[in-house]
């Protein structure tokens, strides 16, 4: 992939994550049911949504950092040893910061 293709892919991922985060936050701000049984279900759902929210925010942080590295010619280089990260590894996790050797 070219840097432009990577940037497009990461920017799309960033947009998707921001949309997901905004939707979850809107759901948290929505009023709750007056029905006690429904409130119990909503509370359980809030726990799941909270975890999804946390994971989306963490992934968004990684994507933003990857875009920063791309803009500063550091993308694809291991943060530990400064060697090139295997392109197949980057294809699977485009915001990865370490080569396979340093990750182990």
Protein backbone atom coordinates (compact mmCIF):
# COMPACT_ATOMS: atom_id res chain seq x y z
CA UNK A 1 0.00 0.00 0.00
CA UNK A 2 1.13 3.51 -0.70
CA UNK A 3 1.27 6.15 2.01
CA UNK A 4 -1.74 7.85 0.44
CA UNK A 5 -3.75 4.60 0.56
CA UNK A 6 -2.70 4.07 4.18
CA UNK A 7 -3.71 7.61 5.05
CA UNK A 8 -7.11 7.16 3.39
CA UNK A 9 -7.65 3.85 5.20
CA UNK A 10 -6.64 5.27 8.59
CA UNK A 11 -8.74 8.39 8.06
CA UNK A 12 -11.78 6.24 7.23
CA UNK A 13 -11.14 4.12 10.33
CA UNK A 14 -10.84 7.30 12.41
CA UNK A 15 -14.17 8.55 11.07
CA UNK A 16 -15.88 5.21 11.80
CA UNK A 17 -14.56 5.15 15.35
CA UNK A 18 -15.57 8.76 15.99
CA UNK A 19 -19.06 7.96 14.71
CA UNK A 20 -19.28 4.89 16.98
CA UNK A 21 -18.06 6.86 20.00
CA UNK A 22 -20.54 9.68 19.34
CA UNK A 23 -23.42 7.22 18.98
CA UNK A 24 -22.54 5.51 22.25
CA UNK A 25 -22.19 8.83 24.07
CA UNK A 26 -25.57 9.94 22.68
CA UNK A 27 -27.10 6.72 23.99
CA UNK A 28 -25.59 7.35 27.44
CA UNK A 29 -27.18 10.81 27.51
CA UNK A 30 -30.57 9.50 26.44
CA UNK A 31 -33.18 9.25 29.16
CA UNK A 32 -33.98 5.93 30.78
CA UNK A 33 -37.26 4.09 31.03
CA UNK A 34 -39.55 4.49 34.02
CA UNK A 35 -40.14 0.72 34.07
CA UNK A 36 -37.96 -1.01 36.69
CA UNK A 37 -37.49 -4.19 34.61
CA UNK A 38 -36.52 -2.11 31.59
CA UNK A 39 -34.06 -0.13 33.74
CA UNK A 40 -32.34 -3.37 34.74
CA UNK A 41 -31.89 -4.32 31.09
CA UNK A 42 -30.66 -0.82 30.26
CA UNK A 43 -28.12 -1.03 33.10
CA UNK A 44 -26.76 -4.30 31.71
CA UNK A 45 -26.59 -2.75 28.24
CA UNK A 46 -24.76 0.27 29.67
CA UNK A 47 -22.02 -2.05 30.93
CA UNK A 48 -21.54 -3.53 27.46
CA UNK A 49 -21.68 -0.11 25.81
CA UNK A 50 -19.16 1.23 28.30
CA UNK A 51 -16.69 -1.49 27.33
CA UNK A 52 -17.27 -0.91 23.61
CA UNK A 53 -16.84 2.83 24.21
CA UNK A 54 -13.56 2.27 26.04
CA UNK A 55 -12.21 -0.01 23.30
CA UNK A 56 -13.25 2.39 20.53
CA UNK A 57 -11.55 5.32 22.27
CA UNK A 58 -8.36 3.29 22.74
CA UNK A 59 -8.38 2.23 19.09
CA UNK A 60 -9.05 5.81 17.99
CA UNK A 61 -5.99 6.93 19.94
CA UNK A 62 -3.87 4.35 18.10
CA UNK A 63 -5.25 5.44 14.72
CA UNK A 64 -4.54 9.11 15.46
CA UNK A 65 -1.00 8.21 16.51
CA UNK A 66 -0.53 6.20 13.30
CA UNK A 67 -1.69 9.18 11.23
CA UNK A 68 0.79 11.36 13.11
CA UNK A 69 3.62 8.87 12.42
CA UNK A 70 2.60 8.77 8.76
CA UNK A 71 2.75 12.56 8.50
CA UNK A 72 6.18 12.62 10.15
CA UNK A 73 7.75 9.78 8.09
CA UNK A 74 7.83 7.41 11.07
CA UNK A 75 5.01 5.13 9.91
CA UNK A 76 6.04 1.50 9.51
CA UNK A 77 9.11 1.82 11.71
CA UNK A 78 9.33 -0.02 15.01
CA UNK A 79 9.10 2.34 17.98
CA UNK A 80 11.65 0.19 19.85
CA UNK A 81 14.35 -0.75 17.36
CA UNK A 82 13.56 1.64 14.47
CA UNK A 83 13.56 -1.26 11.98
CA UNK A 84 10.85 -1.61 9.34
CA UNK A 85 7.71 -3.42 10.45
CA UNK A 86 6.65 -6.27 8.17
CA UNK A 87 4.06 -4.94 5.68
CA UNK A 88 1.84 -7.99 6.32
CA UNK A 89 1.81 -7.10 10.03
CA UNK A 90 0.89 -3.50 9.19
CA UNK A 91 -1.83 -4.69 6.84
CA UNK A 92 -3.50 -6.61 9.69
CA UNK A 93 -2.99 -3.86 12.29
CA UNK A 94 -2.25 -0.63 10.45
CA UNK A 95 -1.58 1.24 13.69
CA UNK A 96 0.88 -1.25 15.17
CA UNK A 97 4.05 0.37 16.54
CA UNK A 98 6.40 -2.57 16.99
CA UNK A 99 7.97 -5.19 14.80
CA UNK A 100 7.30 -8.84 15.60
CA UNK A 101 10.66 -9.25 17.34
CA UNK A 102 10.10 -6.34 19.72
CA UNK A 103 6.50 -7.35 20.35
CA UNK A 104 7.56 -10.71 21.77
